[in-house]
Amino acid sequence: MTAVVTRTRTRRAPSRAYGLTASIASFLIIVVTTYLGLLAVTFFIGRVVPIDPVLAIVGDRAPQHVIERVRNEMGLNLPYYQQFFMYVKGVLQGDFGTSVLTTNPVMTDIRRVFPATMELATVGTIIGAVFGIPLGVLAAVKRDTLTDQIVRIIGLFGYSVPIFWLGMLGLLVFYAKLGWVAGPGRLDVVFEYTFTPITGFYILDAIIQGQWDVLKDVMRHIILPSALLGYFSMAYISRMTRSFMLNELDQEYITAARAKGITEAKIIWGHALRNAAVPLVTVIALSYAGLLEGSVLTETVFAWPGLGMYITNSLQNADMNAVLGGTIIIGSVFIAINLLSDLLYRVLDPRTRSR
């Protein structure tokens, strides 16, 4: 009997190792394929837009021989497949070229502005999760009642209303009329010469340095744009939470828990929401990635000096190196967050580990 068990375990081990190897291989293939697709799309966009990168650098009045020399130096006289190879090689080395607008390397500019976008998206996601999850649970528990309809209407409104309109309305009401929040920008001018950022995340930097007056001013600036992003995130998270909770509340273990006399609050928050929390991790991660890539309009309305504002200004000045570099960074972060959420899902849900 022992020999039979030993042989059985020996047979299963290679299959598990093979399955793990296949999973890692498929994971790497997905990463490489997706990233190459992103690079191909950005390269194609850079070639079809009616903007000559050479003229953007040397100007319209440059002599023809200067234009040709710069074109040769940039490799634009080469076949497209060679240009794409050079493009991919530069991106993998972190070289996105030089910004025409700032004359700095694009990667240097991105390191400077991206923390502002991450801070705004992070606060917005926290707001969306804090309010969206309870609302989704409430809507599921009160299914098909007036409460459920109100929560769904709030979510629908969040999907439907343009964020730039809400942003301008918020500035008019809460800044211009009521004075509850600070105006556009990230920090008042009075603090620009007394506050030295360390990480680029102003909230964290102000706490580290113990500058509580700066922290208060940073919060007064970030609360309105992050609340708007949080509202759109809340609409998505609450809808998905409601869907997950409805599925869990219809399961047999919920009926069994009620038959045992367990309180309704413990069934909802301790059993149903706990099981629904696994797919919610993916939802919140996707919401965060969506705010990172979709904060362009918000940053434009609030003059927020983040990556979205940087891309907008670069596009208006025909600075395609900066536009494509920012697009690649946002796409790379979106891919990374998607893959990370998938890994977290596999870790948190034991049922997916054997797949």
Protein backbone atom coordinates (compact mmCIF):
# COMPACT_ATOMS: atom_id res chain seq x y z
CA MET A 1 0.00 0.00 0.00
CA THR A 2 2.86 2.37 0.88
CA ALA A 3 4.56 1.64 -2.41
CA VAL A 4 1.38 2.46 -4.32
CA VAL A 5 1.03 5.80 -2.52
CA THR A 6 4.68 6.62 -3.18
CA ARG A 7 4.35 5.85 -6.86
CA THR A 8 1.22 8.00 -7.08
CA ARG A 9 2.92 10.98 -5.47
CA THR A 10 5.94 10.55 -7.70
CA ARG A 11 3.73 10.66 -10.78
CA ARG A 12 1.93 13.83 -9.70
CA ALA A 13 5.06 15.85 -8.91
CA PRO A 14 6.30 16.17 -12.51
CA SER A 15 2.84 17.17 -13.70
CA ARG A 16 2.67 19.96 -11.11
CA ALA A 17 6.16 21.15 -12.02
CA TYR A 18 5.22 21.08 -15.69
CA GLY A 19 2.04 23.03 -14.97
CA LEU A 20 3.98 25.69 -13.06
CA THR A 21 6.54 25.98 -15.86
CA ALA A 22 3.77 26.28 -18.45
CA SER A 23 2.05 28.98 -16.39
CA ILE A 24 5.27 31.01 -16.09
CA ALA A 25 5.96 30.59 -19.82
CA SER A 26 2.46 31.68 -20.79
CA PHE A 27 2.74 34.62 -18.38
CA LEU A 28 6.00 35.78 -19.98
CA ILE A 29 4.57 35.35 -23.48
CA ILE A 30 1.58 37.52 -22.55
CA VAL A 31 3.85 40.21 -21.09
CA VAL A 32 6.18 40.32 -24.09
CA THR A 33 3.37 40.20 -26.66
CA THR A 34 1.34 42.90 -24.95
CA TYR A 35 4.31 45.21 -24.56
CA LEU A 36 5.41 44.72 -28.18
CA GLY A 37 1.86 45.53 -29.22
CA LEU A 38 2.00 48.73 -27.17
CA LEU A 39 5.30 49.72 -28.77
CA ALA A 40 3.97 48.93 -32.25
CA VAL A 41 0.88 51.10 -31.71
CA THR A 42 2.86 54.06 -30.36
CA PHE A 43 5.40 53.75 -33.19
CA PHE A 44 2.59 53.72 -35.76
CA ILE A 45 0.96 56.77 -34.16
CA GLY A 46 4.27 58.62 -34.24
CA ARG A 47 4.57 57.99 -37.96
CA VAL A 48 1.03 58.77 -39.12
CA VAL A 49 0.39 62.02 -37.21
CA PRO A 50 0.77 65.09 -39.47
CA ILE A 51 3.68 66.42 -37.40
CA ASP A 52 7.24 66.35 -38.68
CA PRO A 53 9.53 65.71 -35.69
CA VAL A 54 12.46 67.24 -37.55
CA LEU A 55 10.64 70.54 -38.15
CA ALA A 56 9.54 70.52 -34.52
CA ILE A 57 13.23 70.49 -33.55
CA VAL A 58 14.90 72.77 -36.12
CA GLY A 59 11.94 75.00 -37.00
CA ASP A 60 10.17 75.77 -40.26
CA ARG A 61 12.81 78.25 -41.46
CA ALA A 62 15.83 75.96 -41.13
CA PRO A 63 17.90 75.37 -44.30
CA GLN A 64 17.18 72.21 -46.23
CA HIS A 65 20.62 70.74 -45.58
CA VAL A 66 20.10 71.14 -41.82
CA ILE A 67 16.72 69.42 -42.07
CA GLU A 68 18.23 66.52 -44.00
CA ARG A 69 21.14 66.19 -41.58
CA VAL A 70 18.84 66.04 -38.54
CA ARG A 71 16.57 63.60 -40.36
CA ASN A 72 19.53 61.30 -41.00
CA GLU A 73 20.72 61.61 -37.40
CA MET A 74 17.28 60.60 -36.15
CA GLY A 75 17.22 57.62 -38.52
CA LEU A 76 14.03 58.78 -40.25
CA ASN A 77 15.57 58.05 -43.65
CA LEU A 78 15.76 54.33 -42.85
CA PRO A 79 13.09 51.72 -43.70
CA TYR A 80 10.28 51.41 -41.21
CA TYR A 81 11.37 48.05 -39.84
CA GLN A 82 14.80 49.47 -38.99
CA GLN A 83 13.21 52.53 -37.41
CA PHE A 84 10.99 50.26 -35.31
CA PHE A 85 13.99 48.22 -34.18
CA MET A 86 15.81 51.42 -33.14
CA TYR A 87 12.65 52.62 -31.42
CA VAL A 88 12.23 49.43 -29.40
CA LYS A 89 15.92 49.40 -28.49
CA GLY A 90 15.74 52.97 -27.22
CA VAL A 91 12.57 52.35 -25.20
CA LEU A 92 14.04 49.25 -23.55
CA GLN A 93 17.02 51.37 -22.53
CA GLY A 94 14.73 54.05 -21.10
CA ASP A 95 15.58 56.48 -23.89
CA PHE A 96 12.49 58.27 -25.22
CA GLY A 97 14.46 61.06 -26.84
CA THR A 98 14.63 64.73 -25.89
CA SER A 99 11.63 66.92 -25.25
CA VAL A 100 11.37 69.85 -27.63
CA LEU A 101 9.35 71.81 -25.07
CA THR A 102 11.67 71.46 -22.07
CA THR A 103 14.93 70.44 -23.83
CA ASN A 104 15.31 67.73 -21.16
CA PRO A 105 15.40 63.98 -21.73
CA VAL A 106 11.78 62.80 -21.78
CA MET A 107 12.49 60.23 -19.07
CA THR A 108 13.78 62.98 -16.78
CA ASP A 109 10.57 64.95 -17.26
CA ILE A 110 8.44 61.85 -16.62
CA ARG A 111 10.26 61.12 -13.36
CA ARG A 112 9.47 64.65 -12.29
CA VAL A 113 5.74 64.73 -13.15
CA PHE A 114 4.60 61.12 -12.72
CA PRO A 115 4.54 61.15 -8.88
CA ALA A 116 1.89 63.89 -9.03
CA THR A 117 -0.33 61.68 -11.19
CA MET A 118 0.23 58.66 -8.97
CA GLU A 119 -0.60 60.65 -5.84
CA LEU A 120 -3.80 61.98 -7.38
CA ALA A 121 -4.87 58.54 -8.65
CA THR A 122 -3.99 56.86 -5.35
CA VAL A 123 -6.11 59.25 -3.27
CA GLY A 124 -8.92 58.95 -5.82
CA THR A 125 -8.83 55.15 -5.67
CA ILE A 126 -8.88 55.17 -1.87
CA ILE A 127 -11.94 57.42 -1.92
CA GLY A 128 -13.60 55.22 -4.53
CA ALA A 129 -12.97 52.02 -2.56
CA VAL A 130 -13.96 53.48 0.83
CA PHE A 131 -17.35 54.63 -0.47
CA GLY A 132 -17.88 52.22 -3.37
CA ILE A 133 -17.60 48.94 -1.47
CA PRO A 134 -20.15 49.80 1.27
CA LEU A 135 -22.54 51.22 -1.33
CA GLY A 136 -22.24 48.08 -3.43
CA VAL A 137 -22.87 45.88 -0.40
CA LEU A 138 -25.86 48.00 0.59
CA ALA A 139 -27.32 47.80 -2.91
CA ALA A 140 -26.93 44.02 -2.97
CA VAL A 141 -28.51 43.55 0.47
CA LYS A 142 -31.40 45.88 -0.47
CA ARG A 143 -31.81 44.33 -3.89
CA ASP A 144 -34.65 45.75 -6.04
CA THR A 145 -35.61 48.31 -3.39
CA LEU A 146 -35.50 52.11 -3.53
CA THR A 147 -32.07 52.06 -1.88
CA ASP A 148 -30.75 49.78 -4.60
CA GLN A 149 -32.13 52.03 -7.31
CA ILE A 150 -30.59 55.15 -5.76
CA VAL A 151 -27.15 53.53 -5.54
CA ARG A 152 -27.39 52.39 -9.15
CA ILE A 153 -28.45 55.86 -10.30
CA ILE A 154 -25.49 57.40 -8.46
CA GLY A 155 -23.21 54.98 -10.26
CA LEU A 156 -24.84 55.65 -13.62
CA PHE A 157 -24.43 59.39 -13.09
CA GLY A 158 -20.73 58.82 -12.43
CA TYR A 159 -20.36 57.01 -15.74
CA SER A 160 -22.37 59.51 -17.78
CA VAL A 161 -21.31 63.01 -16.73
CA PRO A 162 -18.11 64.37 -18.36
CA ILE A 163 -15.42 64.82 -15.75
CA PHE A 164 -14.24 68.16 -17.13
CA TRP A 165 -17.76 69.57 -16.64
CA LEU A 166 -17.85 68.32 -13.05
CA GLY A 167 -14.35 69.72 -12.51
CA MET A 168 -15.28 73.22 -13.66
CA LEU A 169 -18.52 73.08 -11.68
CA GLY A 170 -16.60 71.98 -8.59
CA LEU A 171 -14.12 74.84 -8.95
CA LEU A 172 -16.96 77.33 -9.37
CA VAL A 173 -18.87 76.13 -6.31
CA PHE A 174 -16.29 74.93 -3.79
CA TYR A 175 -13.40 77.26 -4.71
CA ALA A 176 -14.81 80.44 -6.21
CA LYS A 177 -18.09 80.65 -4.25
CA LEU A 178 -17.58 78.82 -0.96
CA GLY A 179 -13.79 78.91 -0.61
CA TRP A 180 -13.69 75.43 0.95
CA VAL A 181 -10.83 74.19 -1.21
CA ALA A 182 -7.73 75.67 -2.77
CA GLY A 183 -7.59 76.61 -6.44
CA PRO A 184 -5.82 74.99 -9.37
CA GLY A 185 -2.31 73.67 -8.95
CA ARG A 186 -0.67 71.40 -6.44
CA LEU A 187 0.70 73.85 -3.88
CA ASP A 188 0.37 77.54 -3.10
CA VAL A 189 3.17 79.78 -4.35
CA VAL A 190 4.05 80.82 -0.80
CA PHE A 191 5.32 77.28 -0.06
CA GLU A 192 7.29 76.71 -3.26
CA TYR A 193 10.52 78.10 -1.81
CA THR A 194 10.17 76.64 1.69
CA PHE A 195 9.16 73.09 0.76
CA THR A 196 11.62 70.66 -0.85
CA PRO A 197 10.04 67.45 -2.20
CA ILE A 198 11.87 64.21 -1.46
CA THR A 199 9.85 61.45 -3.10
CA GLY A 200 7.64 63.62 -5.31
CA PHE A 201 4.56 62.60 -3.31
CA TYR A 202 3.75 65.86 -1.53
CA ILE A 203 1.54 64.31 1.16
CA LEU A 204 4.24 61.84 2.15
CA ASP A 205 7.01 64.43 1.88
CA ALA A 206 5.17 66.92 4.08
CA ILE A 207 4.62 64.24 6.74
CA ILE A 208 8.25 63.09 6.61
CA GLN A 209 9.52 66.66 7.04
CA GLY A 210 6.91 67.53 9.66
CA GLN A 211 5.66 70.54 7.69
CA TRP A 212 2.03 70.39 8.76
CA ASP A 213 1.12 73.75 7.21
CA VAL A 214 2.34 72.40 3.86
CA LEU A 215 0.37 69.18 4.41
CA LYS A 216 -2.78 71.19 5.07
CA ASP A 217 -2.27 73.20 1.88
CA VAL A 218 -1.55 70.05 -0.16
CA MET A 219 -4.76 68.44 1.11
CA ARG A 220 -6.79 71.56 0.25
CA HIS A 221 -5.46 71.34 -3.32
CA ILE A 222 -5.82 67.60 -3.85
CA ILE A 223 -9.20 67.00 -2.23
CA LEU A 224 -11.40 68.28 -5.07
CA PRO A 225 -9.69 66.64 -8.11
CA SER A 226 -9.16 63.40 -6.20
CA ALA A 227 -12.80 63.43 -5.07
CA LEU A 228 -13.92 63.71 -8.69
CA LEU A 229 -11.69 60.82 -9.72
CA GLY A 230 -12.85 58.95 -6.64
CA TYR A 231 -16.46 59.46 -7.67
CA PHE A 232 -15.87 57.82 -11.04
CA SER A 233 -13.91 55.05 -9.35
CA MET A 234 -16.72 54.62 -6.82
CA ALA A 235 -19.26 54.20 -9.61
CA TYR A 236 -17.28 51.28 -11.06
CA ILE A 237 -16.37 49.67 -7.74
CA SER A 238 -19.91 49.90 -6.31
CA ARG A 239 -21.42 48.31 -9.43
CA MET A 240 -18.95 45.42 -9.38
CA THR A 241 -19.30 44.98 -5.61
CA ARG A 242 -23.06 44.73 -5.99
CA SER A 243 -22.66 42.09 -8.69
CA PHE A 244 -20.19 40.01 -6.66
CA MET A 245 -22.29 40.27 -3.51
CA LEU A 246 -25.48 39.21 -5.29
CA ASN A 247 -23.65 36.13 -6.53
CA GLU A 248 -22.36 35.30 -3.04
CA LEU A 249 -25.68 35.90 -1.29
CA ASP A 250 -27.32 33.31 -3.55
CA GLN A 251 -24.83 30.60 -2.55
CA GLU A 252 -25.78 27.62 -0.39
CA TYR A 253 -23.29 28.44 2.36
CA ILE A 254 -25.21 31.68 3.03
CA THR A 255 -28.43 29.70 3.47
CA ALA A 256 -26.63 27.29 5.78
CA ALA A 257 -25.20 30.16 7.83
CA ARG A 258 -28.66 31.67 8.27
CA ALA A 259 -30.04 28.29 9.30
CA LYS A 260 -27.37 28.10 12.02
CA GLY A 261 -28.61 31.38 13.46
CA ILE A 262 -25.57 33.50 12.55
CA THR A 263 -26.36 37.21 12.60
CA GLU A 264 -27.11 38.87 9.28
CA ALA A 265 -24.32 41.41 9.76
CA LYS A 266 -21.74 38.64 10.23
CA ILE A 267 -23.09 36.76 7.20
CA ILE A 268 -22.82 39.85 5.00
CA TRP A 269 -19.53 41.33 6.19
CA GLY A 270 -17.78 38.22 7.50
CA HIS A 271 -18.77 35.62 4.92
CA ALA A 272 -20.19 37.07 1.69
CA LEU A 273 -17.95 40.15 1.45
CA ARG A 274 -14.91 38.12 2.45
CA ASN A 275 -15.40 35.79 -0.51
CA ALA A 276 -16.29 38.68 -2.82
CA ALA A 277 -13.10 40.49 -1.78
CA VAL A 278 -10.97 38.22 -3.97
CA PRO A 279 -12.31 39.45 -7.34
CA LEU A 280 -12.64 42.95 -5.84
CA VAL A 281 -8.85 43.13 -5.69
CA THR A 282 -8.77 42.94 -9.48
CA VAL A 283 -11.55 45.53 -9.78
CA ILE A 284 -9.76 48.03 -7.54
CA ALA A 285 -6.48 47.46 -9.37
CA LEU A 286 -8.14 48.07 -12.74
CA SER A 287 -9.83 51.16 -11.34
CA TYR A 288 -6.46 52.48 -10.18
CA ALA A 289 -4.92 51.84 -13.60
CA GLY A 290 -7.89 53.57 -15.22
CA LEU A 291 -7.39 56.67 -13.10
CA LEU A 292 -3.69 56.76 -13.97
CA GLU A 293 -4.41 56.78 -17.69
CA GLY A 294 -7.65 58.76 -17.53
CA SER A 295 -6.54 61.70 -15.41
CA VAL A 296 -5.58 63.85 -18.41
CA LEU A 297 -8.79 65.91 -18.41
CA THR A 298 -8.78 66.24 -14.62
CA GLU A 299 -5.19 67.46 -14.58
CA THR A 300 -5.95 69.91 -17.39
CA VAL A 301 -8.96 71.41 -15.61
CA PHE A 302 -7.16 71.72 -12.27
CA ALA A 303 -3.74 72.66 -13.74
CA TRP A 304 -2.34 69.64 -11.91
CA PRO A 305 1.35 69.26 -12.87
CA GLY A 306 1.21 65.55 -13.56
CA LEU A 307 1.83 63.28 -16.52
CA GLY A 308 -1.55 64.03 -18.08
CA MET A 309 -0.86 67.77 -18.08
CA TYR A 310 2.64 67.09 -19.42
CA ILE A 311 1.27 65.06 -22.33
CA THR A 312 -1.39 67.69 -23.09
CA ASN A 313 1.15 70.54 -23.19
CA SER A 314 3.52 68.44 -25.29
CA LEU A 315 0.78 67.60 -27.77
CA GLN A 316 -0.15 71.26 -28.14
CA ASN A 317 3.50 72.06 -28.92
CA ALA A 318 4.02 69.15 -31.35
CA ASP A 319 6.48 67.50 -28.93
CA MET A 320 5.89 63.93 -30.09
CA ASN A 321 8.82 62.43 -28.16
CA ALA A 322 7.20 63.55 -24.92
CA VAL A 323 3.72 62.46 -26.03
CA LEU A 324 4.83 58.97 -27.05
CA GLY A 325 7.07 58.60 -24.01
CA GLY A 326 4.23 59.49 -21.66
CA THR A 327 1.89 57.15 -23.53
CA ILE A 328 4.33 54.26 -23.22
CA ILE A 329 4.79 54.86 -19.50
CA ILE A 330 1.03 54.91 -18.88
CA GLY A 331 0.55 51.81 -21.02
CA SER A 332 3.39 50.02 -19.22
CA VAL A 333 1.92 50.84 -15.82
CA PHE A 334 -1.51 49.66 -16.98
CA ILE A 335 -0.03 46.35 -18.19
CA ALA A 336 1.93 45.91 -14.95
CA ILE A 337 -1.10 46.58 -12.75
CA ASN A 338 -3.23 44.16 -14.77
CA LEU A 339 -0.63 41.42 -14.44
CA LEU A 340 -0.12 42.15 -10.74
CA SER A 341 -3.85 41.96 -10.09
CA ASP A 342 -3.97 38.62 -11.91
CA LEU A 343 -1.14 37.30 -9.74
CA LEU A 344 -2.85 38.55 -6.57
CA TYR A 345 -6.05 36.86 -7.67
CA ARG A 346 -4.22 33.56 -8.04
CA VAL A 347 -2.58 33.97 -4.64
CA LEU A 348 -5.77 34.92 -2.80
CA ASP A 349 -8.03 32.36 -4.49
CA PRO A 350 -6.80 28.78 -3.87
CA ARG A 351 -9.07 27.47 -6.63
CA THR A 352 -6.93 29.15 -9.30
CA ARG A 353 -3.55 27.89 -8.09
CA SER A 354 -3.88 24.54 -9.82
CA ARG A 355 -4.77 26.06 -13.18
